[in-house]
N, C-alpha and C. Protein backbone atom coordinates (compact mmCIF):
# COMPACT_ATOMS: atom_id res chain seq x y z
N MET A 1 -2.47 41.46 27.53
CA MET A 1 -3.13 40.05 27.23
C MET A 1 -3.67 40.02 26.08
N GLU A 2 -4.14 41.04 25.57
CA GLU A 2 -4.92 41.78 24.18
C GLU A 2 -3.91 40.78 23.32
N LYS A 3 -2.71 41.50 23.36
CA LYS A 3 -1.66 41.19 22.59
C LYS A 3 -1.37 39.40 22.12
N TYR A 4 -1.28 38.79 23.54
CA TYR A 4 -1.23 37.54 23.02
C TYR A 4 -2.65 37.17 22.58
N LYS A 5 -4.05 37.19 23.10
CA LYS A 5 -4.81 36.43 22.54
C LYS A 5 -4.85 36.94 21.05
N SER A 6 -4.65 37.71 20.34
CA SER A 6 -4.51 37.95 19.08
C SER A 6 -3.46 37.17 18.58
N LEU A 7 -2.39 36.97 19.03
CA LEU A 7 -1.04 36.13 18.59
C LEU A 7 -1.81 34.92 18.36
N TYR A 8 -2.54 34.23 19.52
CA TYR A 8 -2.70 32.72 19.71
C TYR A 8 -3.90 32.63 18.47
N LEU A 9 -4.54 33.48 18.19
CA LEU A 9 -5.72 33.56 17.15
C LEU A 9 -5.16 33.20 15.93
N SER A 10 -4.30 34.01 15.75
CA SER A 10 -3.51 34.19 14.41
C SER A 10 -3.01 32.89 14.20
N MET A 11 -2.37 31.90 15.12
CA MET A 11 -1.50 30.81 15.17
C MET A 11 -2.80 29.91 14.85
N LEU A 12 -3.60 29.78 15.52
CA LEU A 12 -4.95 28.97 15.73
C LEU A 12 -5.34 29.25 14.17
N ASN A 13 -5.72 30.31 13.59
CA ASN A 13 -6.01 30.05 12.25
C ASN A 13 -4.97 29.61 10.97
N LEU A 14 -3.70 29.87 11.30
CA LEU A 14 -2.67 28.80 10.79
C LEU A 14 -2.91 27.49 10.78
N LEU A 15 -2.98 27.10 11.81
CA LEU A 15 -2.80 25.79 12.19
C LEU A 15 -4.28 25.14 11.42
N LEU A 16 -5.24 25.82 11.15
CA LEU A 16 -6.41 25.42 10.67
C LEU A 16 -6.53 25.28 9.00
N LEU A 17 -5.67 26.57 8.80
CA LEU A 17 -5.29 26.38 7.13
C LEU A 17 -4.27 25.16 6.84
N LEU A 18 -3.77 24.92 7.76
CA LEU A 18 -2.51 23.78 7.68
C LEU A 18 -2.92 22.11 7.51
N LEU A 19 -4.24 22.36 8.43
CA LEU A 19 -4.42 20.86 8.81
C LEU A 19 -4.60 20.15 7.50
N PRO A 20 -5.52 20.34 6.79
CA PRO A 20 -6.07 19.76 5.37
C PRO A 20 -5.01 18.98 5.00
N PHE A 21 -3.66 19.62 4.92
CA PHE A 21 -2.10 19.04 4.50
C PHE A 21 -1.63 18.28 5.34
N TRP A 22 -1.88 18.18 6.51
CA TRP A 22 -1.29 17.31 7.48
C TRP A 22 -2.11 16.17 7.58
N SER A 23 -3.41 16.32 7.36
CA SER A 23 -4.26 15.15 7.63
C SER A 23 -4.37 14.22 6.02
N SER A 24 -3.92 15.24 5.15
CA SER A 24 -4.01 13.84 3.99
C SER A 24 -2.25 13.67 3.75
N SER A 25 -1.52 13.72 4.35
CA SER A 25 -0.27 13.36 4.65
C SER A 25 -0.04 11.96 3.77
N THR A 26 0.89 11.80 3.23
CA THR A 26 0.99 10.25 2.25
C THR A 26 1.68 8.95 2.77
N HIS A 27 2.64 9.36 4.48
CA HIS A 27 3.03 8.75 5.11
C HIS A 27 4.51 8.13 4.50
N ILE A 28 4.52 8.53 3.16
CA ILE A 28 5.74 8.14 1.87
C ILE A 28 6.63 9.22 2.21
N LYS A 29 7.79 8.35 2.18
CA LYS A 29 9.28 9.32 2.45
C LYS A 29 9.33 10.16 0.88
N ALA A 30 9.46 11.10 0.53
CA ALA A 30 10.40 11.75 -0.35
C ALA A 30 11.15 10.86 -1.10
N GLU A 31 11.97 10.76 -0.76
CA GLU A 31 13.27 9.78 -1.24
C GLU A 31 12.69 8.19 -1.91
N LYS A 32 11.41 7.66 -1.06
CA LYS A 32 11.15 6.31 -1.89
C LYS A 32 10.31 7.34 -3.26
N LEU A 33 9.22 8.16 -3.25
CA LEU A 33 8.66 8.18 -4.48
C LEU A 33 9.74 8.55 -5.29
N SER A 34 10.59 9.22 -5.01
CA SER A 34 11.79 9.87 -6.31
C SER A 34 12.42 8.74 -6.82
N GLU A 35 12.30 7.32 -5.97
CA GLU A 35 13.04 6.04 -6.45
C GLU A 35 12.15 5.55 -7.20
N ALA A 36 10.71 5.62 -6.64
CA ALA A 36 9.50 5.08 -7.25
C ALA A 36 9.46 5.39 -8.59
N TYR A 37 9.22 6.65 -9.09
CA TYR A 37 8.76 7.32 -10.28
C TYR A 37 10.12 7.00 -11.30
N ALA A 38 11.66 7.13 -10.46
CA ALA A 38 12.57 6.62 -11.67
C ALA A 38 12.94 5.27 -12.13
N PHE A 39 12.19 4.72 -11.26
CA PHE A 39 12.43 3.16 -11.52
C PHE A 39 10.62 2.82 -12.67
N CYS A 40 10.06 3.30 -12.25
CA CYS A 40 8.87 3.40 -13.61
C CYS A 40 8.97 3.98 -14.87
N LYS A 41 10.11 5.11 -14.75
CA LYS A 41 9.96 5.67 -15.99
C LYS A 41 10.96 4.89 -16.96
N LYS A 42 12.35 3.81 -16.06
CA LYS A 42 13.54 3.26 -16.42
C LYS A 42 12.85 2.36 -16.83
N ASN A 43 11.59 1.38 -15.91
CA ASN A 43 11.34 0.06 -16.70
C ASN A 43 9.93 0.18 -17.12
N LYS A 44 9.90 1.46 -17.94
CA LYS A 44 8.70 1.45 -18.68
C LYS A 44 7.26 0.94 -18.23
N LEU A 45 7.13 1.22 -16.91
CA LEU A 45 5.78 1.03 -16.09
C LEU A 45 5.01 2.57 -16.37
N ASP A 46 4.05 2.24 -15.80
CA ASP A 46 2.71 3.57 -15.75
C ASP A 46 3.50 4.58 -14.77
N THR A 47 3.63 5.99 -15.41
CA THR A 47 4.09 6.98 -14.67
C THR A 47 3.43 7.91 -13.75
N THR A 48 1.80 7.37 -13.81
CA THR A 48 0.97 8.40 -13.49
C THR A 48 0.59 8.29 -11.75
N VAL A 49 0.48 6.67 -11.60
CA VAL A 49 0.42 6.46 -10.11
C VAL A 49 1.47 5.28 -9.54
N CYS A 50 1.48 5.11 -8.44
CA CYS A 50 2.44 3.38 -7.87
C CYS A 50 1.60 3.09 -6.67
N ILE A 51 1.70 1.84 -6.15
CA ILE A 51 1.12 1.44 -5.15
C ILE A 51 2.43 1.35 -4.03
N MET A 52 2.43 1.90 -2.89
CA MET A 52 3.07 1.69 -1.83
C MET A 52 2.57 0.98 -0.69
N VAL A 53 3.66 -0.07 -0.01
CA VAL A 53 3.32 -0.76 1.01
C VAL A 53 4.32 -0.79 1.93
N ASP A 54 4.05 -0.06 3.03
CA ASP A 54 5.18 0.36 4.14
C ASP A 54 4.73 -0.56 5.41
N MET A 55 5.81 -1.80 5.43
CA MET A 55 5.38 -2.86 6.23
C MET A 55 5.75 -2.14 7.72
N SER A 56 6.66 -1.50 7.79
CA SER A 56 7.41 -1.13 9.16
C SER A 56 5.97 0.09 9.87
N ILE A 57 5.40 0.05 8.98
CA ILE A 57 3.80 0.88 9.75
C ILE A 57 2.74 -0.40 10.15
N PRO A 58 2.26 -0.15 11.66
CA PRO A 58 1.61 -1.53 12.03
C PRO A 58 0.18 -1.73 11.42
N SER A 59 0.02 -3.16 11.29
CA SER A 59 -1.21 -3.79 10.48
C SER A 59 -2.33 -3.54 10.68
N GLY A 60 -2.56 -2.63 11.94
CA GLY A 60 -3.61 -1.75 12.26
C GLY A 60 -4.15 -0.48 11.94
N LYS A 61 -3.11 0.17 11.34
CA LYS A 61 -2.87 1.20 10.29
C LYS A 61 -3.04 1.16 8.95
N ASN A 62 -3.31 1.96 8.39
CA ASN A 62 -3.51 2.38 6.87
C ASN A 62 -1.70 2.10 6.40
N ARG A 63 -1.30 1.10 5.90
CA ARG A 63 -0.36 1.34 5.27
C ARG A 63 0.40 0.89 3.40
N LEU A 64 -1.04 0.68 2.77
CA LEU A 64 -1.22 0.45 1.89
C LEU A 64 -1.74 2.16 1.02
N PHE A 65 -0.60 2.50 0.01
CA PHE A 65 -1.25 4.17 -0.35
C PHE A 65 -0.94 4.22 -2.10
N VAL A 66 -1.90 4.67 -2.49
CA VAL A 66 -1.78 4.61 -3.95
C VAL A 66 -1.22 6.20 -4.25
N TYR A 67 -0.61 6.51 -5.03
CA TYR A 67 -0.14 7.61 -4.96
C TYR A 67 -0.27 8.13 -6.44
N ASP A 68 -0.42 9.04 -6.83
CA ASP A 68 -0.52 10.03 -7.90
C ASP A 68 0.55 10.60 -7.76
N PHE A 69 1.40 10.70 -8.94
CA PHE A 69 2.41 11.28 -9.15
C PHE A 69 1.92 12.71 -9.97
N LYS A 70 1.32 12.70 -10.54
CA LYS A 70 0.57 14.05 -11.13
C LYS A 70 0.25 15.10 -10.07
N GLN A 71 -0.85 14.55 -9.17
CA GLN A 71 -1.51 15.45 -8.26
C GLN A 71 -0.48 15.60 -7.04
N LYS A 72 0.51 14.60 -7.35
CA LYS A 72 1.56 14.50 -6.01
C LYS A 72 0.93 14.39 -4.55
N LYS A 73 0.11 13.41 -4.67
CA LYS A 73 -0.82 13.08 -3.22
C LYS A 73 -1.45 11.70 -3.40
N THR A 74 -1.64 11.35 -2.08
CA THR A 74 -2.03 9.78 -1.77
C THR A 74 -3.55 9.83 -1.97
N ILE A 75 -4.08 9.01 -3.38
CA ILE A 75 -5.45 8.85 -3.65
C ILE A 75 -5.93 7.40 -2.83
N ILE A 76 -5.47 6.66 -2.36
CA ILE A 76 -6.44 5.64 -1.61
C ILE A 76 -5.28 5.65 -0.84
N ALA A 77 -5.96 4.83 0.61
CA ALA A 77 -5.07 4.44 1.45
C ALA A 77 -5.94 3.44 2.22
N GLY A 78 -5.39 2.31 2.78
CA GLY A 78 -5.75 1.11 3.57
C GLY A 78 -5.17 0.43 4.29
N LEU A 79 -5.79 -0.42 5.04
CA LEU A 79 -5.23 -1.35 5.66
C LEU A 79 -4.98 -2.34 4.78
N CYS A 80 -3.71 -3.45 4.89
CA CYS A 80 -2.95 -4.40 3.99
C CYS A 80 -2.48 -5.14 4.65
N ALA A 81 -2.70 -6.70 4.53
CA ALA A 81 -2.55 -7.65 5.80
C ALA A 81 -1.08 -7.85 5.02
N HIS A 82 -0.58 -8.85 5.91
CA HIS A 82 1.04 -9.41 5.55
C HIS A 82 0.72 -11.23 5.43
N GLY A 83 1.56 -11.42 5.04
CA GLY A 83 1.62 -13.28 5.43
C GLY A 83 2.11 -13.94 6.61
N VAL A 84 1.34 -14.95 6.66
CA VAL A 84 1.26 -15.48 8.51
C VAL A 84 2.57 -16.39 8.58
N GLY A 85 3.24 -16.58 7.08
CA GLY A 85 3.99 -17.90 7.76
C GLY A 85 5.48 -17.21 7.93
N GLY A 86 6.19 -18.48 8.18
CA GLY A 86 7.59 -17.95 9.01
C GLY A 86 7.94 -17.60 10.35
N GLY A 87 6.79 -17.71 11.17
CA GLY A 87 6.71 -17.21 12.86
C GLY A 87 6.05 -15.59 12.31
N SER A 88 5.35 -15.16 11.46
CA SER A 88 4.80 -13.77 11.55
C SER A 88 4.01 -13.82 12.75
N THR A 89 3.72 -12.49 13.25
CA THR A 89 2.39 -12.21 14.01
C THR A 89 2.03 -10.85 13.41
N SER A 90 0.87 -10.44 14.34
CA SER A 90 0.10 -9.06 13.60
C SER A 90 1.48 -8.08 13.67
N THR A 91 2.02 -8.10 14.72
CA THR A 91 2.91 -6.76 15.16
C THR A 91 4.42 -7.12 14.41
N LYS A 92 4.81 -8.39 13.92
CA LYS A 92 6.29 -8.59 13.23
C LYS A 92 5.57 -9.25 12.11
N PRO A 93 5.76 -8.98 11.11
CA PRO A 93 6.10 -9.58 9.83
C PRO A 93 7.74 -10.35 9.39
N VAL A 94 7.39 -11.53 8.98
CA VAL A 94 8.67 -12.39 8.64
C VAL A 94 8.64 -12.38 7.02
N PHE A 95 9.45 -11.90 6.26
CA PHE A 95 9.67 -11.93 4.56
C PHE A 95 10.21 -13.07 4.47
N SER A 96 9.96 -13.62 2.95
CA SER A 96 10.58 -14.45 2.72
C SER A 96 9.86 -14.70 0.93
N ASN A 97 11.21 -15.12 0.49
CA ASN A 97 10.83 -15.32 -0.95
C ASN A 97 10.68 -17.27 -1.81
N THR A 98 10.60 -17.71 -0.88
CA THR A 98 10.74 -19.09 -1.01
C THR A 98 8.88 -19.52 -1.48
N VAL A 99 8.95 -20.10 -1.87
CA VAL A 99 7.59 -21.30 -2.46
C VAL A 99 7.36 -21.70 -1.30
N GLY A 100 5.92 -21.73 -0.72
CA GLY A 100 5.54 -22.39 0.32
C GLY A 100 5.51 -21.81 1.40
N SER A 101 6.05 -20.80 1.69
CA SER A 101 6.84 -19.96 2.99
C SER A 101 5.66 -19.34 3.44
N ASN A 102 4.28 -18.89 2.87
CA ASN A 102 3.43 -17.87 3.33
C ASN A 102 3.67 -16.67 3.95
N CYS A 103 5.18 -16.46 3.25
CA CYS A 103 5.25 -14.86 3.82
C CYS A 103 5.24 -13.75 2.84
N THR A 104 5.24 -12.63 3.14
CA THR A 104 5.46 -11.63 2.10
C THR A 104 6.48 -11.40 1.48
N SER A 105 6.75 -11.06 0.49
CA SER A 105 8.10 -10.89 -0.06
C SER A 105 8.56 -9.39 -0.43
N LEU A 106 9.25 -9.02 0.15
CA LEU A 106 9.82 -7.60 0.14
C LEU A 106 10.37 -6.99 -1.23
N GLY A 107 9.92 -6.48 -1.90
CA GLY A 107 10.86 -5.63 -2.90
C GLY A 107 9.45 -5.13 -4.42
N LYS A 108 9.78 -4.80 -5.34
CA LYS A 108 9.07 -4.15 -6.30
C LYS A 108 8.58 -4.61 -7.58
N TYR A 109 7.47 -4.81 -7.60
CA TYR A 109 6.38 -5.66 -8.48
C TYR A 109 5.84 -4.99 -9.34
N LYS A 110 5.74 -5.51 -11.06
CA LYS A 110 5.07 -4.88 -11.36
C LYS A 110 3.33 -5.58 -11.81
N VAL A 111 2.60 -4.82 -11.45
CA VAL A 111 1.10 -5.54 -11.35
C VAL A 111 0.36 -5.25 -12.57
N LYS A 112 0.15 -6.23 -13.26
CA LYS A 112 -1.10 -6.20 -14.54
C LYS A 112 -2.06 -7.65 -14.42
N ASN A 113 -2.66 -8.03 -15.06
CA ASN A 113 -3.71 -9.00 -15.55
C ASN A 113 -4.63 -9.31 -14.32
N ARG A 114 -5.88 -8.50 -14.81
CA ARG A 114 -6.78 -8.51 -13.82
C ARG A 114 -7.58 -10.10 -14.07
N SER A 115 -8.05 -10.27 -12.91
CA SER A 115 -8.15 -12.10 -13.43
C SER A 115 -9.47 -11.97 -12.47
N TYR A 116 -9.92 -13.51 -12.01
CA TYR A 116 -10.98 -13.84 -11.19
C TYR A 116 -10.35 -14.30 -9.94
N SER A 117 -10.64 -13.96 -8.59
CA SER A 117 -10.86 -14.26 -7.45
C SER A 117 -11.46 -15.00 -6.59
N ASN A 118 -11.41 -15.83 -5.94
CA ASN A 118 -12.29 -16.54 -4.99
C ASN A 118 -12.62 -15.32 -3.68
N TRP A 119 -11.77 -14.84 -3.42
CA TRP A 119 -12.05 -13.85 -2.41
C TRP A 119 -12.58 -12.16 -2.58
N GLY A 120 -12.46 -11.68 -1.67
CA GLY A 120 -12.99 -10.47 -1.64
C GLY A 120 -14.30 -9.95 -2.76
N ILE A 121 -13.88 -9.41 -3.68
CA ILE A 121 -14.94 -8.93 -4.84
C ILE A 121 -14.59 -9.21 -6.12
N ASN A 122 -14.06 -10.77 -5.71
CA ASN A 122 -13.67 -11.58 -6.85
C ASN A 122 -13.28 -11.07 -7.97
N ILE A 123 -11.64 -9.86 -7.66
CA ILE A 123 -10.77 -9.53 -8.79
C ILE A 123 -9.99 -9.33 -7.96
N HIS A 124 -8.75 -9.96 -8.75
CA HIS A 124 -7.33 -10.09 -8.20
C HIS A 124 -6.20 -9.30 -9.46
N TYR A 125 -5.26 -8.70 -9.11
CA TYR A 125 -4.19 -8.55 -10.33
C TYR A 125 -2.78 -8.90 -10.11
N LYS A 126 -2.49 -9.77 -10.93
CA LYS A 126 -1.13 -10.54 -11.13
C LYS A 126 0.06 -10.10 -10.68
N MET A 127 0.92 -10.20 -9.68
CA MET A 127 2.04 -9.67 -9.46
C MET A 127 3.28 -10.42 -9.85
N TYR A 128 3.69 -9.57 -10.41
CA TYR A 128 5.48 -10.36 -10.99
C TYR A 128 6.96 -9.36 -10.04
N GLY A 129 7.42 -9.93 -9.65
CA GLY A 129 8.41 -9.98 -8.85
C GLY A 129 9.97 -9.27 -9.59
N LEU A 130 10.28 -8.30 -9.32
CA LEU A 130 11.49 -7.33 -10.24
C LEU A 130 12.32 -7.41 -9.75
N GLU A 131 12.68 -7.95 -8.46
CA GLU A 131 14.00 -8.14 -7.42
C GLU A 131 14.23 -9.57 -7.25
N LYS A 132 15.42 -10.04 -6.85
CA LYS A 132 15.64 -11.04 -6.25
C LYS A 132 14.83 -11.00 -4.88
N THR A 133 14.37 -10.43 -3.94
CA THR A 133 13.58 -10.69 -2.60
C THR A 133 12.72 -11.00 -3.08
N ASN A 134 11.72 -10.76 -4.63
CA ASN A 134 10.30 -11.34 -4.89
C ASN A 134 10.32 -12.05 -5.90
N SER A 135 11.40 -12.50 -6.35
CA SER A 135 11.45 -13.07 -8.04
C SER A 135 10.52 -14.46 -7.84
N ASN A 136 10.34 -15.46 -6.94
CA ASN A 136 9.12 -16.24 -7.07
C ASN A 136 7.79 -15.75 -6.98
N ALA A 137 6.96 -14.56 -7.07
CA ALA A 137 6.09 -13.81 -6.78
C ALA A 137 5.12 -15.01 -7.80
N PHE A 138 5.13 -14.93 -8.85
CA PHE A 138 4.62 -15.24 -9.72
C PHE A 138 4.11 -16.97 -9.43
N LYS A 139 5.28 -17.53 -9.34
CA LYS A 139 5.74 -19.17 -8.91
C LYS A 139 4.51 -19.41 -7.54
N ARG A 140 4.70 -18.34 -6.75
CA ARG A 140 3.86 -18.33 -5.34
C ARG A 140 2.32 -17.92 -5.65
N ILE A 141 2.07 -17.73 -6.78
CA ILE A 141 0.84 -16.84 -7.14
C ILE A 141 0.33 -16.12 -5.86
N ILE A 142 1.40 -14.95 -5.68
CA ILE A 142 1.31 -13.64 -5.16
C ILE A 142 0.59 -12.65 -5.82
N VAL A 143 -1.11 -12.19 -5.32
CA VAL A 143 -2.08 -11.38 -6.07
C VAL A 143 -2.37 -10.10 -5.36
N LEU A 144 -2.70 -9.33 -6.27
CA LEU A 144 -3.40 -8.23 -4.83
C LEU A 144 -4.60 -8.36 -5.34
N HIS A 145 -5.80 -8.68 -3.84
CA HIS A 145 -6.84 -8.93 -3.97
C HIS A 145 -7.06 -8.37 -2.48
N SER A 146 -8.53 -8.67 -2.51
CA SER A 146 -9.50 -8.12 -0.99
C SER A 146 -9.85 -9.35 -0.29
N TYR A 147 -10.42 -9.02 0.55
CA TYR A 147 -10.57 -10.41 1.64
C TYR A 147 -12.16 -9.58 2.37
N THR A 148 -13.13 -9.84 2.33
CA THR A 148 -14.27 -9.34 3.09
C THR A 148 -14.08 -9.02 4.31
N PRO A 149 -13.60 -9.65 5.07
CA PRO A 149 -13.47 -9.43 7.01
C PRO A 149 -12.17 -8.02 6.82
N VAL A 150 -11.67 -7.94 6.04
CA VAL A 150 -10.66 -6.93 6.10
C VAL A 150 -11.21 -5.37 6.19
N PRO A 151 -10.86 -4.52 7.53
CA PRO A 151 -12.05 -3.42 7.24
C PRO A 151 -11.78 -2.40 6.89
N ASN A 152 -12.74 -1.40 6.70
CA ASN A 152 -12.12 -0.30 5.58
C ASN A 152 -12.05 0.93 6.23
N TYR A 153 -11.27 0.69 7.86
CA TYR A 153 -10.90 1.83 8.48
C TYR A 153 -9.92 0.76 9.39
N GLU A 154 -9.15 1.99 9.82
CA GLU A 154 -7.99 1.53 10.94
C GLU A 154 -8.08 1.52 12.18
N ILE A 155 -7.90 -0.38 12.66
CA ILE A 155 -8.11 -0.65 14.16
C ILE A 155 -6.98 -0.84 14.90
N TYR A 156 -6.17 0.10 14.53
CA TYR A 156 -5.07 0.37 15.58
C TYR A 156 -5.40 0.50 17.16
N PRO A 157 -4.88 0.12 18.49
CA PRO A 157 -3.88 -0.79 18.40
C PRO A 157 -4.26 -2.07 18.07
N HIS A 158 -5.29 -2.58 17.61
CA HIS A 158 -5.61 -3.92 17.38
C HIS A 158 -4.55 -4.43 16.02
N GLY A 159 -4.30 -5.48 16.01
CA GLY A 159 -3.72 -5.77 14.40
C GLY A 159 -4.29 -6.53 13.36
N LEU A 160 -4.04 -6.67 12.23
CA LEU A 160 -4.55 -7.66 11.39
C LEU A 160 -3.77 -8.65 11.05
N PHE A 161 -4.46 -9.47 11.30
CA PHE A 161 -3.74 -10.99 10.55
C PHE A 161 -4.26 -12.46 10.40
N GLY A 162 -4.14 -13.20 9.74
CA GLY A 162 -4.45 -14.08 9.48
C GLY A 162 -5.29 -14.55 7.88
N GLN A 163 -5.19 -13.37 7.41
CA GLN A 163 -5.89 -13.32 5.83
C GLN A 163 -4.80 -13.53 4.97
N SER A 164 -3.47 -13.71 5.30
CA SER A 164 -2.69 -13.49 3.84
C SER A 164 -1.74 -14.94 4.24
N ALA A 165 -1.57 -15.64 2.63
CA ALA A 165 -0.54 -16.54 2.67
C ALA A 165 0.75 -15.96 2.15
N GLY A 166 0.77 -14.53 2.07
CA GLY A 166 1.80 -13.71 1.31
C GLY A 166 1.56 -12.43 0.24
N CYS A 167 0.18 -12.34 0.03
CA CYS A 167 -0.54 -11.84 -1.15
C CYS A 167 -0.72 -10.80 -0.06
N PRO A 168 -0.66 -9.04 -0.83
CA PRO A 168 -1.10 -7.96 0.18
C PRO A 168 -2.79 -8.28 -0.03
N VAL A 169 -3.17 -8.06 0.71
CA VAL A 169 -5.05 -8.25 1.08
C VAL A 169 -4.97 -7.03 1.72
N ILE A 170 -6.26 -6.56 1.23
CA ILE A 170 -7.26 -5.33 1.37
C ILE A 170 -8.47 -5.12 1.60
N ALA A 171 -9.15 -4.36 1.83
CA ALA A 171 -10.45 -4.32 2.19
C ALA A 171 -11.22 -4.30 0.74
N ASP A 172 -12.39 -4.70 0.80
CA ASP A 172 -13.37 -4.96 -0.90
C ASP A 172 -13.67 -3.33 -1.15
N ASP A 173 -13.75 -2.23 -0.23
CA ASP A 173 -13.93 -0.79 -0.54
C ASP A 173 -12.62 -0.12 -1.33
N GLN A 174 -11.16 -0.61 -0.98
CA GLN A 174 -10.49 -0.07 -1.37
C GLN A 174 -9.91 -1.22 -2.77
N MET A 175 -10.30 -2.28 -2.85
CA MET A 175 -10.00 -2.80 -3.76
C MET A 175 -10.41 -2.73 -5.08
N THR A 176 -11.95 -2.34 -4.68
CA THR A 176 -13.18 -1.50 -5.57
C THR A 176 -12.12 0.04 -6.45
N LYS A 177 -11.64 0.53 -5.48
CA LYS A 177 -11.03 2.00 -6.00
C LYS A 177 -9.93 1.35 -6.68
N ILE A 178 -9.22 0.68 -6.60
CA ILE A 178 -8.30 0.32 -7.03
C ILE A 178 -8.24 -0.35 -8.45
N ASP A 179 -9.38 -1.18 -8.46
CA ASP A 179 -9.77 -2.05 -9.57
C ASP A 179 -9.96 -0.59 -10.82
N ARG A 180 -10.93 0.43 -10.41
CA ARG A 180 -11.54 1.28 -11.12
C ARG A 180 -10.12 1.69 -11.99
N LEU A 181 -9.37 2.08 -10.73
CA LEU A 181 -8.22 2.64 -11.39
C LEU A 181 -7.15 1.69 -12.10
N LEU A 182 -7.24 0.60 -11.91
CA LEU A 182 -5.87 -0.37 -12.97
C LEU A 182 -6.70 -0.70 -14.06
N ILE A 183 -7.60 -0.82 -14.16
CA ILE A 183 -8.50 -1.20 -15.30
C ILE A 183 -8.33 -0.30 -16.62
N LYS A 184 -8.07 0.74 -16.43
CA LYS A 184 -8.00 1.77 -17.34
C LYS A 184 -6.57 2.09 -17.88
N LYS A 185 -5.46 1.19 -17.05
CA LYS A 185 -3.80 1.30 -17.23
C LYS A 185 -3.66 0.59 -18.53
N LYS A 186 -3.26 1.03 -19.24
CA LYS A 186 -2.35 0.80 -20.57
C LYS A 186 -1.03 -0.43 -20.34
N LYS A 187 0.00 0.31 -19.16
CA LYS A 187 1.07 0.03 -19.02
C LYS A 187 0.82 -0.78 -17.42
N PRO A 188 1.71 -1.71 -17.16
CA PRO A 188 2.12 -2.14 -15.35
C PRO A 188 1.84 -1.11 -14.68
N VAL A 189 1.55 -1.29 -13.38
CA VAL A 189 2.08 -0.36 -12.29
C VAL A 189 2.58 -1.18 -11.29
N LEU A 190 3.53 -0.21 -10.96
CA LEU A 190 4.61 -0.46 -9.55
C LEU A 190 3.83 -0.74 -8.38
N LEU A 191 4.08 -1.34 -7.72
CA LEU A 191 3.40 -2.18 -5.93
C LEU A 191 4.73 -2.41 -5.65
N TRP A 192 5.05 -1.64 -4.46
CA TRP A 192 6.58 -1.64 -3.74
C TRP A 192 6.54 -2.44 -2.32
N ILE A 193 6.30 -3.49 -2.06
CA ILE A 193 6.65 -3.45 -0.55
C ILE A 193 7.84 -3.15 0.00
N TYR A 194 7.84 -2.39 1.15
CA TYR A 194 9.15 -2.47 1.44
C TYR A 194 9.24 -1.88 3.21
N ASN A 195 9.81 -2.03 4.08
CA ASN A 195 10.01 -2.05 5.65
C ASN A 195 11.14 -1.68 6.19
N GLU A 196 10.94 0.33 6.11
CA GLU A 196 11.72 1.18 6.54
C GLU A 196 11.21 2.04 6.65
């Protein structure tokens, strides 16, 4: 019995040691991060950070992640609203690149040019679509911005809906942190919205 107790305590200690790594997991697949880094390098984007938005994660959970390539970890995470158009619901986003669709567009974007926003902390960043699936982003006025009613914490099983006409809309606290990061960047930053 004493032998099993000792083994149990050893396993428990190991679990407690590993817990910080599990709890700070990125929720981003390694292949995605490799692809993101290669894309940034090839397209002369910033290679220190990227913003990943995984639309396959429920809207009530954190699904926007700012990943630091040098530290190899997520440094900011938060909720992110998707567009209300095309029959989207809080649990099932519909994606479109069509002007006037009020849908989120999938794909890679470069984020640059800080400007005034009517919403949240009154700052937004322009988003320029780099793929066929999001080529109308600038024309559609798709920008990264915050909206004060978006919570700073996960609300799952409840969903986040009704805050976006296609833009990635986040909480004020997350936008403040992201703004502090982006304002220092000389090169555009990759923001990648995907659903897998």
